[in-house]
Structure formats: structure tokens, C-alpha cells
Amino acid sequence: TAQSGTPGPVFVELPIDVLYPFHVVQKEIGGTKTARG
């Protein structure tokens, strides 16, 4: 898309839970080992 037609910028957002394994995300967002609520 950036290179086609009139060239220009494009933006791709990558949320942390797409980039990192579950245990890293769990620690980042304050999850606990026991699921409450």
C-alpha cells in the first residue's frame, strides 16, 4: 500500500499481547496465577 499509486505512509499497530508470550503479557497487565473475576 505504501509503495502503490501515490506513495505515502502507512501505520501498523502491534498490541503487546500479539508480540509477546502469555506469561510476559500477564506480568505486564497485572494478572495473577489464580483467575479471579
PDB file of all heavy atoms in Angstrom:
ATOM      1  N   THR A   1       0.833  -1.209   0.000  1.00  0.00           N
ATOM      2  CA  THR A   1       0.000   0.000   0.000  1.00  0.00           C
ATOM      3  C   THR A   1       0.866   1.256   0.000  1.00  0.00           C
ATOM      4  O   THR A   1       0.603   2.210  -0.737  1.00  0.00           O
ATOM      5  CB  THR A   1      -0.950   0.007   1.212  1.00  0.00           C
ATOM      6  OG1 THR A   1      -1.796  -1.145   1.137  1.00  0.00           O
ATOM      7  CG2 THR A   1      -1.793   1.266   1.261  1.00  0.00           C
ATOM      8  N   ALA A   2       1.899   1.272   0.827  1.00  0.00           N
ATOM      9  CA  ALA A   2       2.778   2.440   0.926  1.00  0.00           C
ATOM     10  C   ALA A   2       3.463   2.742  -0.406  1.00  0.00           C
ATOM     11  O   ALA A   2       3.686   3.902  -0.741  1.00  0.00           O
ATOM     12  CB  ALA A   2       3.828   2.225   2.019  1.00  0.00           C
ATOM     13  N   GLN A   3       3.766   1.691  -1.178  1.00  0.00           N
ATOM     14  CA  GLN A   3       4.520   1.861  -2.416  1.00  0.00           C
ATOM     15  C   GLN A   3       3.633   1.998  -3.651  1.00  0.00           C
ATOM     16  O   GLN A   3       4.099   2.453  -4.694  1.00  0.00           O
ATOM     17  CB  GLN A   3       5.478   0.684  -2.610  1.00  0.00           C
ATOM     18  CG  GLN A   3       6.571   0.658  -1.555  1.00  0.00           C
ATOM     19  CD  GLN A   3       7.481  -0.544  -1.677  1.00  0.00           C
ATOM     20  OE1 GLN A   3       7.014  -1.665  -1.899  1.00  0.00           O
ATOM     21  NE2 GLN A   3       8.769  -0.327  -1.540  1.00  0.00           N
ATOM     22  N   SER A   4       2.367   1.630  -3.545  1.00  0.00           N
ATOM     23  CA  SER A   4       1.496   1.634  -4.724  1.00  0.00           C
ATOM     24  C   SER A   4       0.900   3.012  -4.989  1.00  0.00           C
ATOM     25  O   SER A   4       0.779   3.836  -4.078  1.00  0.00           O
ATOM     26  CB  SER A   4       0.364   0.618  -4.543  1.00  0.00           C
ATOM     27  OG  SER A   4      -0.507   1.045  -3.521  1.00  0.00           O
ATOM     28  N   GLY A   5       0.502   3.231  -6.245  1.00  0.00           N
ATOM     29  CA  GLY A   5      -0.128   4.508  -6.604  1.00  0.00           C
ATOM     30  C   GLY A   5       0.751   5.670  -6.192  1.00  0.00           C
ATOM     31  O   GLY A   5       1.945   5.674  -6.437  1.00  0.00           O
ATOM     32  N   THR A   6       0.146   6.647  -5.548  1.00  0.00           N
ATOM     33  CA  THR A   6       0.928   7.734  -4.974  1.00  0.00           C
ATOM     34  C   THR A   6       1.516   7.220  -3.666  1.00  0.00           C
ATOM     35  O   THR A   6       0.767   6.895  -2.740  1.00  0.00           O
ATOM     36  CB  THR A   6       0.038   8.964  -4.689  1.00  0.00           C
ATOM     37  OG1 THR A   6      -0.577   9.397  -5.894  1.00  0.00           O
ATOM     38  CG2 THR A   6       0.858  10.098  -4.094  1.00  0.00           C
ATOM     39  N   PRO A   7       2.844   7.103  -3.591  1.00  0.00           N
ATOM     40  CA  PRO A   7       3.452   6.558  -2.368  1.00  0.00           C
ATOM     41  C   PRO A   7       3.132   7.417  -1.151  1.00  0.00           C
ATOM     42  O   PRO A   7       2.852   8.615  -1.262  1.00  0.00           O
ATOM     43  CB  PRO A   7       4.951   6.597  -2.672  1.00  0.00           C
ATOM     44  CG  PRO A   7       5.051   6.682  -4.157  1.00  0.00           C
ATOM     45  CD  PRO A   7       3.832   7.444  -4.601  1.00  0.00           C
ATOM     46  N   GLY A   8       3.164   6.797   0.010  1.00  0.00           N
ATOM     47  CA  GLY A   8       2.898   7.528   1.239  1.00  0.00           C
ATOM     48  C   GLY A   8       3.040   6.638   2.455  1.00  0.00           C
ATOM     49  O   GLY A   8       3.361   5.455   2.353  1.00  0.00           O
ATOM     50  N   PRO A   9       2.791   7.202   3.632  1.00  0.00           N
ATOM     51  CA  PRO A   9       2.950   6.451   4.880  1.00  0.00           C
ATOM     52  C   PRO A   9       1.772   5.515   5.171  1.00  0.00           C
ATOM     53  O   PRO A   9       0.641   5.763   4.748  1.00  0.00           O
ATOM     54  CB  PRO A   9       3.031   7.553   5.939  1.00  0.00           C
ATOM     55  CG  PRO A   9       2.308   8.710   5.346  1.00  0.00           C
ATOM     56  CD  PRO A   9       2.498   8.619   3.861  1.00  0.00           C
ATOM     57  N   VAL A  10       2.082   4.458   5.895  1.00  0.00           N
ATOM     58  CA  VAL A  10       1.074   3.529   6.424  1.00  0.00           C
ATOM     59  C   VAL A  10       1.445   3.261   7.882  1.00  0.00           C
ATOM     60  O   VAL A  10       2.610   3.363   8.270  1.00  0.00           O
ATOM     61  CB  VAL A  10       1.007   2.200   5.635  1.00  0.00           C
ATOM     62  CG1 VAL A  10       0.519   2.425   4.223  1.00  0.00           C
ATOM     63  CG2 VAL A  10       2.342   1.493   5.626  1.00  0.00           C
ATOM     64  N   PHE A  11       0.439   2.920   8.680  1.00  0.00           N
ATOM     65  CA  PHE A  11       0.665   2.659  10.105  1.00  0.00           C
ATOM     66  C   PHE A  11       0.145   1.285  10.469  1.00  0.00           C
ATOM     67  O   PHE A  11      -1.000   0.938  10.157  1.00  0.00           O
ATOM     68  CB  PHE A  11      -0.037   3.719  10.960  1.00  0.00           C
ATOM     69  CG  PHE A  11       0.045   3.464  12.444  1.00  0.00           C
ATOM     70  CD1 PHE A  11       1.269   3.369  13.077  1.00  0.00           C
ATOM     71  CD2 PHE A  11      -1.103   3.328  13.203  1.00  0.00           C
ATOM     72  CE1 PHE A  11       1.348   3.142  14.446  1.00  0.00           C
ATOM     73  CE2 PHE A  11      -1.038   3.105  14.568  1.00  0.00           C
ATOM     74  CZ  PHE A  11       0.194   3.018  15.197  1.00  0.00           C
ATOM     75  N   VAL A  12       0.989   0.485  11.111  1.00  0.00           N
ATOM     76  CA  VAL A  12       0.595  -0.839  11.599  1.00  0.00           C
ATOM     77  C   VAL A  12       0.824  -0.867  13.110  1.00  0.00           C
ATOM     78  O   VAL A  12       1.939  -0.634  13.589  1.00  0.00           O
ATOM     79  CB  VAL A  12       1.404  -1.966  10.919  1.00  0.00           C
ATOM     80  CG1 VAL A  12       1.037  -3.323  11.509  1.00  0.00           C
ATOM     81  CG2 VAL A  12       1.177  -1.957   9.410  1.00  0.00           C
ATOM     82  N   GLU A  13      -0.246  -1.147  13.835  1.00  0.00           N
ATOM     83  CA  GLU A  13      -0.208  -1.208  15.293  1.00  0.00           C
ATOM     84  C   GLU A  13      -0.098  -2.662  15.737  1.00  0.00           C
ATOM     85  O   GLU A  13      -0.860  -3.512  15.273  1.00  0.00           O
ATOM     86  CB  GLU A  13      -1.500  -0.575  15.827  1.00  0.00           C
ATOM     87  CG  GLU A  13      -1.631  -0.565  17.317  1.00  0.00           C
ATOM     88  CD  GLU A  13      -2.941   0.069  17.750  1.00  0.00           C
ATOM     89  OE1 GLU A  13      -3.987  -0.621  17.666  1.00  0.00           O
ATOM     90  OE2 GLU A  13      -2.919   1.239  18.160  1.00  0.00           O
ATOM     91  N   LEU A  14       0.851  -2.937  16.630  1.00  0.00           N
ATOM     92  CA  LEU A  14       1.052  -4.291  17.140  1.00  0.00           C
ATOM     93  C   LEU A  14       0.877  -4.298  18.663  1.00  0.00           C
ATOM     94  O   LEU A  14       1.787  -3.929  19.403  1.00  0.00           O
ATOM     95  CB  LEU A  14       2.445  -4.803  16.774  1.00  0.00           C
ATOM     96  CG  LEU A  14       2.745  -4.935  15.283  1.00  0.00           C
ATOM     97  CD1 LEU A  14       4.201  -5.291  15.052  1.00  0.00           C
ATOM     98  CD2 LEU A  14       1.835  -5.963  14.638  1.00  0.00           C
ATOM     99  N   PRO A  15      -0.302  -4.692  19.147  1.00  0.00           N
ATOM    100  CA  PRO A  15      -0.537  -4.748  20.588  1.00  0.00           C
ATOM    101  C   PRO A  15       0.436  -5.714  21.278  1.00  0.00           C
ATOM    102  O   PRO A  15       0.880  -6.703  20.676  1.00  0.00           O
ATOM    103  CB  PRO A  15      -1.974  -5.259  20.706  1.00  0.00           C
ATOM    104  CG  PRO A  15      -2.603  -4.908  19.397  1.00  0.00           C
ATOM    105  CD  PRO A  15      -1.502  -5.041  18.386  1.00  0.00           C
ATOM    106  N   ILE A  16       0.740  -5.429  22.535  1.00  0.00           N
ATOM    107  CA  ILE A  16       1.720  -6.222  23.279  1.00  0.00           C
ATOM    108  C   ILE A  16       1.350  -7.703  23.333  1.00  0.00           C
ATOM    109  O   ILE A  16       2.219  -8.573  23.284  1.00  0.00           O
ATOM    110  CB  ILE A  16       1.918  -5.648  24.707  1.00  0.00           C
ATOM    111  CG1 ILE A  16       3.100  -6.327  25.390  1.00  0.00           C
ATOM    112  CG2 ILE A  16       0.659  -5.746  25.523  1.00  0.00           C
ATOM    113  CD1 ILE A  16       3.491  -5.692  26.714  1.00  0.00           C
ATOM    114  N   ASP A  17       0.060  -8.020  23.405  1.00  0.00           N
ATOM    115  CA  ASP A  17      -0.340  -9.419  23.502  1.00  0.00           C
ATOM    116  C   ASP A  17      -0.202 -10.166  22.187  1.00  0.00           C
ATOM    117  O   ASP A  17      -0.292 -11.394  22.163  1.00  0.00           O
ATOM    118  CB  ASP A  17      -1.754  -9.555  24.075  1.00  0.00           C
ATOM    119  CG  ASP A  17      -2.783  -8.727  23.348  1.00  0.00           C
ATOM    120  OD1 ASP A  17      -2.450  -7.640  22.850  1.00  0.00           O
ATOM    121  OD2 ASP A  17      -3.953  -9.166  23.268  1.00  0.00           O
ATOM    122  N   VAL A  18       0.038  -9.459  21.105  1.00  0.00           N
ATOM    123  CA  VAL A  18       0.313 -10.107  19.814  1.00  0.00           C
ATOM    124  C   VAL A  18       1.815 -10.378  19.692  1.00  0.00           C
ATOM    125  O   VAL A  18       2.229 -11.340  19.069  1.00  0.00           O
ATOM    126  CB  VAL A  18      -0.173  -9.222  18.640  1.00  0.00           C
ATOM    127  CG1 VAL A  18       0.237  -9.801  17.299  1.00  0.00           C
ATOM    128  CG2 VAL A  18      -1.685  -9.056  18.701  1.00  0.00           C
ATOM    129  N   LEU A  19       2.615  -9.541  20.319  1.00  0.00           N
ATOM    130  CA  LEU A  19       4.067  -9.631  20.187  1.00  0.00           C
ATOM    131  C   LEU A  19       4.753 -10.553  21.190  1.00  0.00           C
ATOM    132  O   LEU A  19       5.806 -11.101  20.893  1.00  0.00           O
ATOM    133  CB  LEU A  19       4.695  -8.241  20.322  1.00  0.00           C
ATOM    134  CG  LEU A  19       4.408  -7.265  19.201  1.00  0.00           C
ATOM    135  CD1 LEU A  19       5.008  -5.907  19.536  1.00  0.00           C
ATOM    136  CD2 LEU A  19       4.977  -7.789  17.894  1.00  0.00           C
ATOM    137  N   TYR A  20       4.181 -10.694  22.381  1.00  0.00           N
ATOM    138  CA  TYR A  20       4.878 -11.410  23.449  1.00  0.00           C
ATOM    139  C   TYR A  20       4.106 -12.623  23.943  1.00  0.00           C
ATOM    140  O   TYR A  20       2.889 -12.668  23.847  1.00  0.00           O
ATOM    141  CB  TYR A  20       5.132 -10.461  24.629  1.00  0.00           C
ATOM    142  CG  TYR A  20       6.107  -9.369  24.290  1.00  0.00           C
ATOM    143  CD1 TYR A  20       5.660  -8.104  23.950  1.00  0.00           C
ATOM    144  CD2 TYR A  20       7.474  -9.609  24.293  1.00  0.00           C
ATOM    145  CE1 TYR A  20       6.552  -7.092  23.622  1.00  0.00           C
ATOM    146  CE2 TYR A  20       8.371  -8.611  23.966  1.00  0.00           C
ATOM    147  CZ  TYR A  20       7.902  -7.358  23.639  1.00  0.00           C
ATOM    148  OH  TYR A  20       8.787  -6.363  23.309  1.00  0.00           O
ATOM    149  N   PRO A  21       4.824 -13.595  24.532  1.00  0.00           N
ATOM    150  CA  PRO A  21       4.160 -14.778  25.089  1.00  0.00           C
ATOM    151  C   PRO A  21       3.248 -14.408  26.263  1.00  0.00           C
ATOM    152  O   PRO A  21       3.424 -13.363  26.896  1.00  0.00           O
ATOM    153  CB  PRO A  21       5.314 -15.655  25.590  1.00  0.00           C
ATOM    154  CG  PRO A  21       6.562 -15.068  25.058  1.00  0.00           C
ATOM    155  CD  PRO A  21       6.271 -13.658  24.658  1.00  0.00           C
ATOM    156  N   PHE A  22       2.330 -15.287  26.556  1.00  0.00           N
ATOM    157  CA  PHE A  22       1.309 -15.054  27.581  1.00  0.00           C
ATOM    158  C   PHE A  22       1.901 -14.629  28.918  1.00  0.00           C
ATOM    159  O   PHE A  22       1.436 -13.681  29.529  1.00  0.00           O
ATOM    160  CB  PHE A  22       0.458 -16.322  27.774  1.00  0.00           C
ATOM    161  CG  PHE A  22      -0.458 -16.243  28.957  1.00  0.00           C
ATOM    162  CD1 PHE A  22      -1.610 -15.480  28.908  1.00  0.00           C
ATOM    163  CD2 PHE A  22      -0.150 -16.906  30.137  1.00  0.00           C
ATOM    164  CE1 PHE A  22      -2.452 -15.383  30.005  1.00  0.00           C
ATOM    165  CE2 PHE A  22      -0.983 -16.810  31.235  1.00  0.00           C
ATOM    166  CZ  PHE A  22      -2.133 -16.053  31.155  1.00  0.00           C
ATOM    167  N   HIS A  23       2.949 -15.311  29.408  1.00  0.00           N
ATOM    168  CA  HIS A  23       3.473 -15.003  30.748  1.00  0.00           C
ATOM    169  C   HIS A  23       4.032 -13.581  30.825  1.00  0.00           C
ATOM    170  O   HIS A  23       3.953 -12.937  31.866  1.00  0.00           O
ATOM    171  CB  HIS A  23       4.514 -16.035  31.194  1.00  0.00           C
ATOM    172  CG  HIS A  23       5.808 -15.961  30.454  1.00  0.00           C
ATOM    173  ND1 HIS A  23       5.996 -16.538  29.218  1.00  0.00           N
ATOM    174  CD2 HIS A  23       6.980 -15.362  30.778  1.00  0.00           C
ATOM    175  CE1 HIS A  23       7.236 -16.299  28.812  1.00  0.00           C
ATOM    176  NE2 HIS A  23       7.859 -15.588  29.728  1.00  0.00           N
ATOM    177  N   VAL A  24       4.559 -13.061  29.728  1.00  0.00           N
ATOM    178  CA  VAL A  24       5.066 -11.687  29.708  1.00  0.00           C
ATOM    179  C   VAL A  24       3.908 -10.702  29.770  1.00  0.00           C
ATOM    180  O   VAL A  24       3.937  -9.737  30.530  1.00  0.00           O
ATOM    181  CB  VAL A  24       5.931 -11.433  28.451  1.00  0.00           C
ATOM    182  CG1 VAL A  24       6.339  -9.973  28.348  1.00  0.00           C
ATOM    183  CG2 VAL A  24       7.151 -12.342  28.448  1.00  0.00           C
ATOM    184  N   VAL A  25       2.874 -10.976  28.982  1.00  0.00           N
ATOM    185  CA  VAL A  25       1.694 -10.097  28.969  1.00  0.00           C
ATOM    186  C   VAL A  25       0.992 -10.142  30.316  1.00  0.00           C
ATOM    187  O   VAL A  25       0.584  -9.116  30.849  1.00  0.00           O
ATOM    188  CB  VAL A  25       0.718 -10.497  27.826  1.00  0.00           C
ATOM    189  CG1 VAL A  25      -0.541  -9.657  27.889  1.00  0.00           C
ATOM    190  CG2 VAL A  25       1.411 -10.363  26.485  1.00  0.00           C
ATOM    191  N   GLN A  26       0.877 -11.326  30.895  1.00  0.00           N
ATOM    192  CA  GLN A  26       0.224 -11.476  32.194  1.00  0.00           C
ATOM    193  C   GLN A  26       0.923 -10.618  33.248  1.00  0.00           C
ATOM    194  O   GLN A  26       0.283  -9.909  34.012  1.00  0.00           O
ATOM    195  CB  GLN A  26       0.236 -12.942  32.614  1.00  0.00           C
ATOM    196  CG  GLN A  26      -0.460 -13.198  33.939  1.00  0.00           C
ATOM    197  CD  GLN A  26      -0.374 -14.656  34.349  1.00  0.00           C
ATOM    198  OE1 GLN A  26       0.609 -15.328  34.058  1.00  0.00           O
ATOM    199  NE2 GLN A  26      -1.403 -15.141  35.009  1.00  0.00           N
ATOM    200  N   LYS A  27       2.243 -10.646  33.247  1.00  0.00           N
ATOM    201  CA  LYS A  27       3.010  -9.838  34.206  1.00  0.00           C
ATOM    202  C   LYS A  27       2.798  -8.344  33.935  1.00  0.00           C
ATOM    203  O   LYS A  27       2.617  -7.545  34.845  1.00  0.00           O
ATOM    204  CB  LYS A  27       4.493 -10.190  34.086  1.00  0.00           C
ATOM    205  CG  LYS A  27       5.376  -9.476  35.079  1.00  0.00           C
ATOM    206  CD  LYS A  27       6.825  -9.724  34.730  1.00  0.00           C
ATOM    207  CE  LYS A  27       7.545 -10.399  35.847  1.00  0.00           C
ATOM    208  NZ  LYS A  27       8.958 -10.614  35.560  1.00  0.00           N
ATOM    209  N   GLU A  28       2.787  -7.961  32.657  1.00  0.00           N
ATOM    210  CA  GLU A  28       2.644  -6.559  32.260  1.00  0.00           C
ATOM    211  C   GLU A  28       1.302  -5.968  32.675  1.00  0.00           C
ATOM    212  O   GLU A  28       1.221  -4.839  33.129  1.00  0.00           O
ATOM    213  CB  GLU A  28       2.823  -6.440  30.744  1.00  0.00           C
ATOM    214  CG  GLU A  28       2.666  -5.054  30.204  1.00  0.00           C
ATOM    215  CD  GLU A  28       3.825  -4.116  30.550  1.00  0.00           C
ATOM    216  OE1 GLU A  28       4.918  -4.607  30.853  1.00  0.00           O
ATOM    217  OE2 GLU A  28       3.599  -2.894  30.520  1.00  0.00           O
ATOM    218  N   ILE A  29       0.222  -6.743  32.526  1.00  0.00           N
ATOM    219  CA  ILE A  29      -1.104  -6.190  32.829  1.00  0.00           C
ATOM    220  C   ILE A  29      -1.592  -6.577  34.220  1.00  0.00           C
ATOM    221  O   ILE A  29      -2.738  -6.355  34.571  1.00  0.00           O
ATOM    222  CB  ILE A  29      -2.157  -6.553  31.751  1.00  0.00           C
ATOM    223  CG1 ILE A  29      -2.437  -8.046  31.698  1.00  0.00           C
ATOM    224  CG2 ILE A  29      -1.731  -6.041  30.397  1.00  0.00           C
ATOM    225  CD1 ILE A  29      -3.565  -8.419  30.761  1.00  0.00           C
ATOM    226  N   GLY A  30      -0.695  -7.165  35.014  1.00  0.00           N
ATOM    227  CA  GLY A  30      -1.015  -7.412  36.415  1.00  0.00           C
ATOM    228  C   GLY A  30      -1.901  -8.597  36.668  1.00  0.00           C
ATOM    229  O   GLY A  30      -2.638  -8.603  37.644  1.00  0.00           O
ATOM    230  N   GLY A  31      -1.834  -9.591  35.805  1.00  0.00           N
ATOM    231  CA  GLY A  31      -2.637 -10.788  36.025  1.00  0.00           C
ATOM    232  C   GLY A  31      -2.090 -11.600  37.182  1.00  0.00           C
ATOM    233  O   GLY A  31      -0.955 -11.438  37.610  1.00  0.00           O
ATOM    234  N   THR A  32      -2.919 -12.482  37.741  1.00  0.00           N
ATOM    235  CA  THR A  32      -2.479 -13.347  38.830  1.00  0.00           C
ATOM    236  C   THR A  32      -2.545 -14.790  38.363  1.00  0.00           C
ATOM    237  O   THR A  32      -3.172 -15.108  37.356  1.00  0.00           O
ATOM    238  CB  THR A  32      -3.389 -13.166  40.059  1.00  0.00           C
ATOM    239  OG1 THR A  32      -4.723 -13.515  39.687  1.00  0.00           O
ATOM    240  CG2 THR A  32      -3.356 -11.745  40.573  1.00  0.00           C
ATOM    241  N   LYS A  33      -1.925 -15.646  39.100  1.00  0.00           N
ATOM    242  CA  LYS A  33      -1.938 -17.062  38.740  1.00  0.00           C
ATOM    243  C   LYS A  33      -3.327 -17.667  38.945  1.00  0.00           C
ATOM    244  O   LYS A  33      -3.706 -18.585  38.268  1.00  0.00           O
ATOM    245  CB  LYS A  33      -0.893 -17.830  39.546  1.00  0.00           C
ATOM    246  CG  LYS A  33       0.523 -17.427  39.187  1.00  0.00           C
ATOM    247  CD  LYS A  33       1.476 -18.565  39.450  1.00  0.00           C
ATOM    248  CE  LYS A  33       2.899 -18.204  39.162  1.00  0.00           C
ATOM    249  NZ  LYS A  33       3.232 -17.975  37.809  1.00  0.00           N
ATOM    250  N   THR A  34      -4.073 -17.132  39.897  1.00  0.00           N
ATOM    251  CA  THR A  34      -5.432 -17.617  40.103  1.00  0.00           C
ATOM    252  C   THR A  34      -6.392 -16.616  39.483  1.00  0.00           C
ATOM    253  O   THR A  34      -6.368 -15.439  39.815  1.00  0.00           O
ATOM    254  CB  THR A  34      -5.749 -17.788  41.610  1.00  0.00           C
ATOM    255  OG1 THR A  34      -5.571 -16.542  42.259  1.00  0.00           O
ATOM    256  CG2 THR A  34      -4.850 -18.831  42.237  1.00  0.00           C
ATOM    257  N   ALA A  35      -7.197 -17.098  38.579  1.00  0.00           N
ATOM    258  CA  ALA A  35      -8.132 -16.223  37.867  1.00  0.00           C
ATOM    259  C   ALA A  35      -9.284 -15.837  38.780  1.00  0.00           C
ATOM    260  O   ALA A  35     -10.082 -16.675  39.178  1.00  0.00           O
ATOM    261  CB  ALA A  35      -8.660 -16.943  36.628  1.00  0.00           C
ATOM    262  N   ARG A  36      -9.333 -14.544  39.126  1.00  0.00           N
ATOM    263  CA  ARG A  36     -10.421 -14.030  39.953  1.00  0.00           C
ATOM    264  C   ARG A  36     -11.207 -13.014  39.147  1.00  0.00           C
ATOM    265  O   ARG A  36     -10.631 -12.143  38.523  1.00  0.00           O
ATOM    266  CB  ARG A  36      -9.866 -13.368  41.204  1.00  0.00           C
ATOM    267  CG  ARG A  36      -9.429 -14.385  42.222  1.00  0.00           C
ATOM    268  CD  ARG A  36      -9.013 -13.697  43.499  1.00  0.00           C
ATOM    269  NE  ARG A  36      -7.634 -14.117  43.727  1.00  0.00           N
ATOM    270  CZ  ARG A  36      -6.703 -13.378  44.265  1.00  0.00           C
ATOM    271  NH1 ARG A  36      -6.960 -12.157  44.639  1.00  0.00           N
ATOM    272  NH2 ARG A  36      -5.489 -13.838  44.432  1.00  0.00           N
ATOM    273  N   GLY A  37     -12.516 -13.135  39.195  1.00  0.00           N
ATOM    274  CA  GLY A  37     -13.370 -12.182  38.493  1.00  0.00           C
ATOM    275  C   GLY A  37     -13.294 -12.351  36.981  1.00  0.00           C
ATOM    276  O   GLY A  37     -12.541 -13.166  36.452  1.00  0.00           O
TER     277      GLY A  37
END
